[in-house]
Amino acid sequence: MARKRCVLRWGAAVGLYWAACAAHVWRTGGLLALGLAWNMLLALLPLCFACAAGRCRLWAGRAALAVLWLLFLPNTFYMLTDLIHTPQKMEWVNAADWTVRHSENVSDWLLTLLLGTGAVLAVLLGLEAMRVFRVYCCVHWPRPAVWAGGGAVLLLCGFGMYIGRFLRLNSWDILHPLALLRRV
């Protein structure tokens, strides 16, 4: 029951973020927030997979959920890279009197707030998904192995972020493994 409440709480936070994304699209007409909402859905999935793996009774089901957890986990940390969409001219120094000026464009500030909130929420989702999975793994494996595995998972997440941002590949590209390997 505690896992279900955990997912519901995080789901509520993601729902509020989606509402903020929808409000931003409605207010500005820009579609970037739709991409942010999609990325947040992908960031919620690893937590769902980790909780489901802990409840699954079949070994094959747990293994499949663990693979899905690992494939989707980089999406949580990937949202940090969405910060590149932060508007450029938010602050500048006036050369004449060296005063700092700030943008008066409310939409730019709201987008910056949306990007930052999304990045923090997604990273927290990723850390929670790792915590839930670690608790599950500690039951079956020795602690040093679990901690070493956690470090390896974080390295894989970093590689996944690179693949997503710079090679522009997605989690579902695993469905075409040969093309994926050629590209990587």
Protein backbone atom coordinates (compact mmCIF):
# COMPACT_ATOMS: atom_id res chain seq x y z
CA MET A 1 0.00 0.00 0.00
CA ALA A 2 2.89 2.38 0.74
CA ARG A 3 4.22 1.96 -2.80
CA LYS A 4 0.81 2.77 -4.24
CA ARG A 5 0.58 5.96 -2.14
CA CYS A 6 4.12 6.88 -3.22
CA VAL A 7 3.23 6.58 -6.90
CA LEU A 8 -0.02 8.48 -6.34
CA ARG A 9 1.82 11.36 -4.65
CA TRP A 10 4.39 11.57 -7.41
CA GLY A 11 1.62 11.20 -9.97
CA ALA A 12 -0.18 14.16 -8.41
CA ALA A 13 3.00 16.25 -8.65
CA VAL A 14 3.38 15.27 -12.29
CA GLY A 15 -0.29 16.12 -12.87
CA LEU A 16 0.27 19.62 -11.48
CA TYR A 17 3.28 19.99 -13.76
CA TRP A 18 1.18 18.91 -16.74
CA ALA A 19 -1.43 21.51 -15.78
CA ALA A 20 1.30 24.16 -15.70
CA CYS A 21 2.52 22.99 -19.12
CA ALA A 22 -1.02 23.17 -20.51
CA ALA A 23 -1.45 26.68 -19.07
CA HIS A 24 1.81 27.75 -20.69
CA VAL A 25 0.73 26.38 -24.08
CA TRP A 26 -2.65 28.09 -23.71
CA ARG A 27 -1.09 31.41 -22.69
CA THR A 28 1.74 31.54 -25.23
CA GLY A 29 0.77 29.21 -28.06
CA GLY A 30 4.29 27.77 -27.93
CA LEU A 31 4.57 24.01 -28.12
CA LEU A 32 7.77 23.53 -26.10
CA ALA A 33 5.71 22.87 -22.96
CA LEU A 34 4.01 19.91 -24.70
CA GLY A 35 7.44 18.34 -25.11
CA LEU A 36 8.17 19.03 -21.45
CA ALA A 37 4.91 17.34 -20.44
CA TRP A 38 5.79 14.30 -22.58
CA ASN A 39 9.27 14.13 -21.04
CA MET A 40 7.70 14.28 -17.58
CA LEU A 41 5.49 11.30 -18.43
CA LEU A 42 8.62 9.40 -19.50
CA ALA A 43 10.26 10.46 -16.21
CA LEU A 44 7.36 9.01 -14.19
CA LEU A 45 7.52 5.59 -15.86
CA PRO A 46 10.69 4.30 -14.12
CA LEU A 47 9.08 4.79 -10.72
CA CYS A 48 6.01 2.88 -11.89
CA PHE A 49 8.21 0.07 -13.23
CA ALA A 50 10.24 -0.09 -10.00
CA CYS A 51 7.09 -0.30 -7.86
CA ALA A 52 5.57 -2.93 -10.15
CA ALA A 53 8.77 -5.01 -10.07
CA GLY A 54 8.57 -5.13 -6.29
CA ARG A 55 5.02 -6.48 -6.44
CA CYS A 56 5.42 -8.92 -9.33
CA ARG A 57 5.54 -12.58 -8.34
CA LEU A 58 6.88 -14.03 -11.60
CA TRP A 59 10.64 -13.96 -12.13
CA ALA A 60 10.25 -13.23 -15.85
CA GLY A 61 7.89 -10.35 -15.08
CA ARG A 62 10.32 -8.84 -12.58
CA ALA A 63 13.15 -9.17 -15.10
CA ALA A 64 11.09 -7.48 -17.84
CA LEU A 65 10.12 -4.64 -15.48
CA ALA A 66 13.76 -4.23 -14.43
CA VAL A 67 14.80 -3.90 -18.09
CA LEU A 68 12.05 -1.34 -18.70
CA TRP A 69 13.11 0.53 -15.55
CA LEU A 70 16.70 0.68 -16.82
CA LEU A 71 15.67 1.76 -20.32
CA PHE A 72 13.44 4.58 -19.12
CA LEU A 73 15.50 5.79 -16.13
CA PRO A 74 17.74 8.11 -18.22
CA ASN A 75 14.60 10.05 -19.17
CA THR A 76 14.38 11.32 -15.60
CA PHE A 77 17.82 12.90 -15.66
CA TYR A 78 17.47 13.90 -19.32
CA MET A 79 15.14 16.71 -18.32
CA LEU A 80 18.18 18.53 -16.95
CA THR A 81 19.26 18.99 -20.57
CA ASP A 82 15.95 20.74 -21.33
CA LEU A 83 17.44 23.75 -19.53
CA ILE A 84 19.11 24.63 -22.85
CA HIS A 85 15.70 25.97 -23.87
CA THR A 86 15.96 28.76 -21.27
CA PRO A 87 15.35 32.10 -23.01
CA GLN A 88 18.58 33.96 -23.78
CA LYS A 89 18.03 37.60 -22.84
CA MET A 90 16.79 37.19 -19.28
CA GLU A 91 19.43 39.41 -17.68
CA TRP A 92 22.10 41.74 -18.96
CA VAL A 93 24.32 44.58 -17.79
CA ASN A 94 23.75 48.07 -19.12
CA ALA A 95 27.20 49.19 -20.32
CA ALA A 96 26.43 52.88 -19.74
CA ASP A 97 25.87 52.72 -15.99
CA TRP A 98 26.73 49.08 -15.15
CA THR A 99 23.26 48.37 -13.81
CA VAL A 100 21.75 44.93 -14.15
CA ARG A 101 18.62 44.80 -16.24
CA HIS A 102 16.06 41.98 -16.29
CA SER A 103 13.66 40.91 -18.97
CA GLU A 104 10.12 42.17 -18.51
CA ASN A 105 8.71 39.40 -20.70
CA VAL A 106 6.55 37.36 -18.31
CA SER A 107 6.37 34.44 -20.75
CA ASP A 108 10.16 34.06 -20.65
CA TRP A 109 10.14 33.97 -16.85
CA LEU A 110 7.29 31.47 -16.78
CA LEU A 111 9.09 29.24 -19.27
CA THR A 112 12.26 29.44 -17.17
CA LEU A 113 10.26 28.50 -14.07
CA LEU A 114 8.62 25.61 -15.96
CA LEU A 115 11.98 24.32 -17.20
CA GLY A 116 13.61 24.53 -13.77
CA THR A 117 10.66 22.96 -11.96
CA GLY A 118 10.52 20.16 -14.52
CA ALA A 119 14.23 19.45 -14.19
CA VAL A 120 14.06 19.28 -10.40
CA LEU A 121 10.88 17.18 -10.36
CA ALA A 122 12.26 14.74 -12.94
CA VAL A 123 15.55 14.28 -11.07
CA LEU A 124 13.63 13.66 -7.84
CA LEU A 125 11.50 11.10 -9.68
CA GLY A 126 14.66 9.40 -10.93
CA LEU A 127 16.20 9.30 -7.47
CA GLU A 128 12.98 7.91 -6.00
CA ALA A 129 12.83 5.25 -8.72
CA MET A 130 16.42 4.29 -7.91
CA ARG A 131 15.65 4.20 -4.18
CA VAL A 132 12.63 1.94 -4.67
CA PHE A 133 14.60 -0.37 -6.93
CA ARG A 134 17.56 -0.40 -4.52
CA VAL A 135 15.30 -1.44 -1.64
CA TYR A 136 13.95 -4.25 -3.80
CA CYS A 137 17.47 -5.34 -4.87
CA CYS A 138 18.85 -5.29 -1.31
CA VAL A 139 16.51 -8.17 -0.50
CA HIS A 140 18.04 -10.34 -3.23
CA TRP A 141 21.68 -9.25 -3.52
CA PRO A 142 24.49 -8.17 -1.17
CA ARG A 143 24.64 -4.46 -0.41
CA PRO A 144 28.06 -3.80 -2.02
CA ALA A 145 26.81 -5.31 -5.27
CA VAL A 146 23.67 -3.17 -5.13
CA TRP A 147 25.68 0.02 -4.53
CA ALA A 148 28.13 -0.85 -7.32
CA GLY A 149 25.18 -1.56 -9.59
CA GLY A 150 23.71 1.83 -8.67
CA GLY A 151 26.93 3.54 -9.74
CA ALA A 152 26.90 1.64 -13.02
CA VAL A 153 23.26 2.62 -13.56
CA LEU A 154 24.13 6.30 -13.06
CA LEU A 155 26.92 6.02 -15.63
CA LEU A 156 24.48 4.39 -18.05
CA CYS A 157 22.02 7.22 -17.37
CA GLY A 158 24.70 9.75 -18.30
CA PHE A 159 25.34 7.86 -21.52
CA GLY A 160 21.58 7.72 -22.14
CA MET A 161 21.35 11.49 -21.68
CA TYR A 162 24.09 11.95 -24.27
CA ILE A 163 22.34 9.60 -26.69
CA GLY A 164 19.05 11.45 -26.21
CA ARG A 165 20.29 15.04 -26.43
CA PHE A 166 23.02 14.78 -29.04
CA LEU A 167 22.19 11.68 -31.09
CA ARG A 168 18.46 12.46 -30.72
CA LEU A 169 17.52 8.85 -29.99
CA ASN A 170 14.64 7.83 -27.72
CA SER A 171 13.83 4.92 -25.41
CA TRP A 172 11.67 3.24 -28.03
CA ASP A 173 14.61 3.12 -30.48
CA ILE A 174 15.56 -0.07 -28.62
CA LEU A 175 12.89 -1.72 -30.79
CA HIS A 176 15.35 -1.37 -33.69
CA PRO A 177 18.57 -2.64 -32.07
CA LEU A 178 20.73 -2.87 -35.20
CA ALA A 179 19.99 0.69 -36.28
CA LEU A 180 20.56 1.80 -32.68
CA LEU A 181 23.97 0.12 -32.48
CA ARG A 182 25.03 1.60 -35.82
CA ARG A 183 24.04 5.07 -34.69
CA VAL A 184 25.72 4.82 -31.29
